[in-house]
Amino acid sequence: MANQLIVPQATQALNQMKLEAAQELGVQIPADGYYGNVSTRDAGSLGGYITKKLVQMAEQQLSGGFR
């Protein structure tokens, strides 16, 4: 329940961001979508990286422009 998106149209963009972040961090994304076998460290790194990028995007948007 807690993982429901406020803007459902963002699903594809968030999934793409997740894949790009995983690639940059060297984390293997499970093909079946089940993250139960992903280490806590890798999952945390991935979530932290995505959060950092989302905050950066919001700050840029609030400041008046993307770079």
Protein backbone atom coordinates (compact mmCIF):
# COMPACT_ATOMS: atom_id res chain seq x y z
CA MET A 1 0.00 0.00 0.00
CA ALA A 2 2.75 2.47 0.89
CA ASN A 3 4.39 2.06 -2.52
CA GLN A 4 1.50 3.48 -4.53
CA LEU A 5 2.49 6.34 -6.81
CA ILE A 6 0.80 9.68 -6.40
CA VAL A 7 1.26 10.28 -10.14
CA PRO A 8 0.74 6.89 -11.85
CA GLN A 9 1.94 8.31 -15.18
CA ALA A 10 5.45 8.49 -13.68
CA THR A 11 5.78 4.69 -13.49
CA GLN A 12 7.76 4.32 -16.72
CA ALA A 13 10.10 7.21 -15.93
CA LEU A 14 10.77 5.87 -12.42
CA ASN A 15 11.46 2.38 -13.77
CA GLN A 16 13.90 3.85 -16.29
CA MET A 17 15.59 5.83 -13.51
CA LYS A 18 15.85 2.62 -11.45
CA LEU A 19 17.53 0.78 -14.33
CA GLU A 20 19.98 3.62 -14.98
CA ALA A 21 20.85 3.89 -11.28
CA ALA A 22 21.40 0.14 -11.03
CA GLN A 23 23.69 0.24 -14.04
CA GLU A 24 25.73 3.10 -12.59
CA LEU A 25 26.04 1.36 -9.23
CA GLY A 26 26.66 -2.12 -10.67
CA VAL A 27 23.57 -3.61 -9.01
CA GLN A 28 21.83 -6.46 -10.82
CA ILE A 29 18.09 -5.86 -11.29
CA PRO A 30 16.19 -9.17 -11.16
CA ALA A 31 14.53 -10.01 -14.49
CA ASP A 32 11.41 -11.25 -12.71
CA GLY A 33 11.04 -8.05 -10.66
CA TYR A 34 11.41 -9.88 -7.33
CA TYR A 35 13.85 -8.01 -5.09
CA GLY A 36 13.85 -10.56 -2.27
CA ASN A 37 17.23 -11.90 -3.37
CA VAL A 38 18.87 -8.46 -3.68
CA SER A 39 21.12 -7.67 -0.74
CA THR A 40 19.98 -5.02 1.71
CA ARG A 41 23.12 -3.04 0.98
CA ASP A 42 22.45 -3.01 -2.77
CA ALA A 43 18.77 -2.17 -2.34
CA GLY A 44 19.65 0.65 0.06
CA SER A 45 22.30 2.03 -2.29
CA LEU A 46 19.85 1.96 -5.15
CA GLY A 47 17.08 3.66 -3.17
CA GLY A 48 19.46 6.29 -1.80
CA TYR A 49 20.84 7.07 -5.24
CA ILE A 50 17.37 7.42 -6.75
CA THR A 51 16.25 9.66 -3.88
CA LYS A 52 19.34 11.85 -4.33
CA LYS A 53 18.59 12.21 -8.08
CA LEU A 54 14.91 13.02 -7.46
CA VAL A 55 15.83 15.69 -4.90
CA GLN A 56 18.37 17.13 -7.32
CA MET A 57 15.75 17.27 -10.09
CA ALA A 58 13.24 18.97 -7.78
CA GLU A 59 15.80 21.54 -6.62
CA GLN A 60 16.72 22.36 -10.22
CA GLN A 61 13.07 22.71 -11.18
CA LEU A 62 12.37 24.96 -8.20
CA SER A 63 15.39 27.11 -8.98
CA GLY A 64 14.07 27.76 -12.47
CA GLY A 65 15.76 25.39 -14.83
CA PHE A 66 17.32 22.07 -15.66
CA ARG A 67 20.97 21.76 -16.61
